[in-house]
Protein backbone atom coordinates (compact mmCIF):
# COMPACT_ATOMS: atom_id res chain seq x y z
CA MET A 1 -37.87 2.41 -5.01
CA ASN A 2 -35.29 2.19 -2.26
CA VAL A 3 -31.71 2.82 -3.31
CA PRO A 4 -29.45 -0.07 -2.29
CA ASN A 5 -26.74 0.78 0.26
CA ALA A 6 -24.04 -0.37 -2.15
CA VAL A 7 -25.20 2.20 -4.72
CA GLU A 8 -25.37 4.96 -2.11
CA LYS A 9 -21.83 4.10 -1.05
CA ALA A 10 -20.54 4.13 -4.66
CA ALA A 11 -22.11 7.55 -5.28
CA ASN A 12 -21.14 9.03 -1.91
CA HIS A 13 -18.38 11.22 -3.37
CA LEU A 14 -21.11 13.13 -5.24
CA THR A 15 -24.07 12.84 -2.90
CA GLY A 16 -22.01 13.91 0.09
CA GLN A 17 -20.38 16.83 -1.67
CA PHE A 18 -23.59 18.19 -3.20
CA ASP A 19 -26.06 17.08 -0.48
CA CYS A 20 -28.22 15.13 -2.91
CA GLY A 21 -29.57 11.65 -3.43
CA VAL A 22 -29.51 8.96 -6.08
CA LYS A 23 -32.38 8.06 -8.39
CA CYS A 24 -33.19 5.03 -10.47
CA MET A 25 -33.46 5.54 -14.22
CA GLY A 26 -34.77 2.03 -14.94
CA LYS A 27 -33.37 -1.31 -16.08
CA TYR A 28 -30.38 -1.57 -18.38
CA ASP A 29 -29.01 -4.92 -19.52
CA GLY A 30 -30.86 -6.65 -16.67
CA LYS A 31 -29.46 -4.32 -14.00
CA ASP A 32 -30.98 -1.38 -12.13
CA ALA A 33 -29.40 1.85 -13.40
CA TYR A 34 -28.93 4.76 -10.99
CA ILE A 35 -27.56 8.28 -11.30
CA ALA A 36 -26.80 11.02 -8.75
CA ASP A 37 -29.73 13.44 -8.53
CA LEU A 38 -27.62 16.60 -8.52
CA PRO A 39 -29.07 20.01 -7.67
CA ASP A 40 -29.93 22.39 -10.50
CA GLY A 41 -26.92 24.27 -11.83
CA VAL A 42 -24.32 21.74 -10.65
CA SER A 43 -21.92 20.54 -13.33
CA ILE A 44 -19.53 17.69 -12.56
CA GLY A 45 -18.20 16.95 -16.01
CA PHE A 46 -18.93 13.47 -17.31
CA PRO A 47 -21.79 11.64 -15.55
CA GLU A 48 -21.44 8.34 -13.76
CA VAL A 49 -24.08 5.64 -13.96
CA TYR A 50 -24.29 2.98 -11.26
CA LEU A 51 -25.51 -0.43 -12.45
CA TYR A 52 -26.74 -2.67 -9.64
CA LYS A 53 -27.61 -6.36 -9.52
CA ASP A 54 -27.29 -9.07 -6.88
CA GLY A 55 -25.51 -6.80 -4.38
CA GLN A 56 -22.86 -5.69 -6.87
CA VAL A 57 -22.37 -2.17 -8.23
CA GLU A 58 -20.65 -1.40 -11.50
CA VAL A 59 -19.65 2.26 -11.93
CA ILE A 60 -19.87 3.33 -15.57
CA GLY A 61 -18.19 6.52 -16.75
CA ALA A 62 -18.10 8.30 -20.09
CA PRO A 63 -18.50 7.51 -22.89
CA MET A 64 -20.59 4.45 -21.96
CA SER A 65 -22.62 6.38 -19.38
CA PHE A 66 -24.03 8.61 -22.14
CA GLY A 67 -25.31 5.58 -24.04
CA ILE A 68 -27.05 4.21 -20.95
CA ILE A 69 -28.64 7.57 -20.17
CA ASP A 70 -29.75 7.93 -23.78
CA ALA A 71 -31.32 4.46 -23.71
CA LEU A 72 -33.27 5.08 -20.49
CA VAL A 73 -34.21 8.75 -20.46
CA GLU A 74 -36.38 10.18 -23.22
CA ASP A 75 -35.20 13.74 -22.55
CA ALA A 76 -31.63 13.77 -21.18
CA GLY A 77 -32.27 17.39 -20.18
CA GLU A 78 -34.41 15.95 -17.37
CA LEU A 79 -31.13 14.82 -15.79
CA ASP A 80 -29.21 18.00 -16.63
CA VAL A 81 -26.71 15.95 -18.63
CA GLU A 82 -24.90 17.85 -21.36
């Protein structure tokens, strides 16, 4: 799945700093949910989730981001989220 430019732009502060991409976790509340695909061993504190629909990006921080990740990822360790 191609990552929309609007999502890449919203996540640029992480993807640019850590030279990584963004991956889709699935659908949440009718929107595509993305997260920065950080390299192993990188810890940024609370994760951000990027919800995308119809050209609009909604950046979700903690604590709501944890609920979205929990709903979409069977093993949150796959995303290195603590």
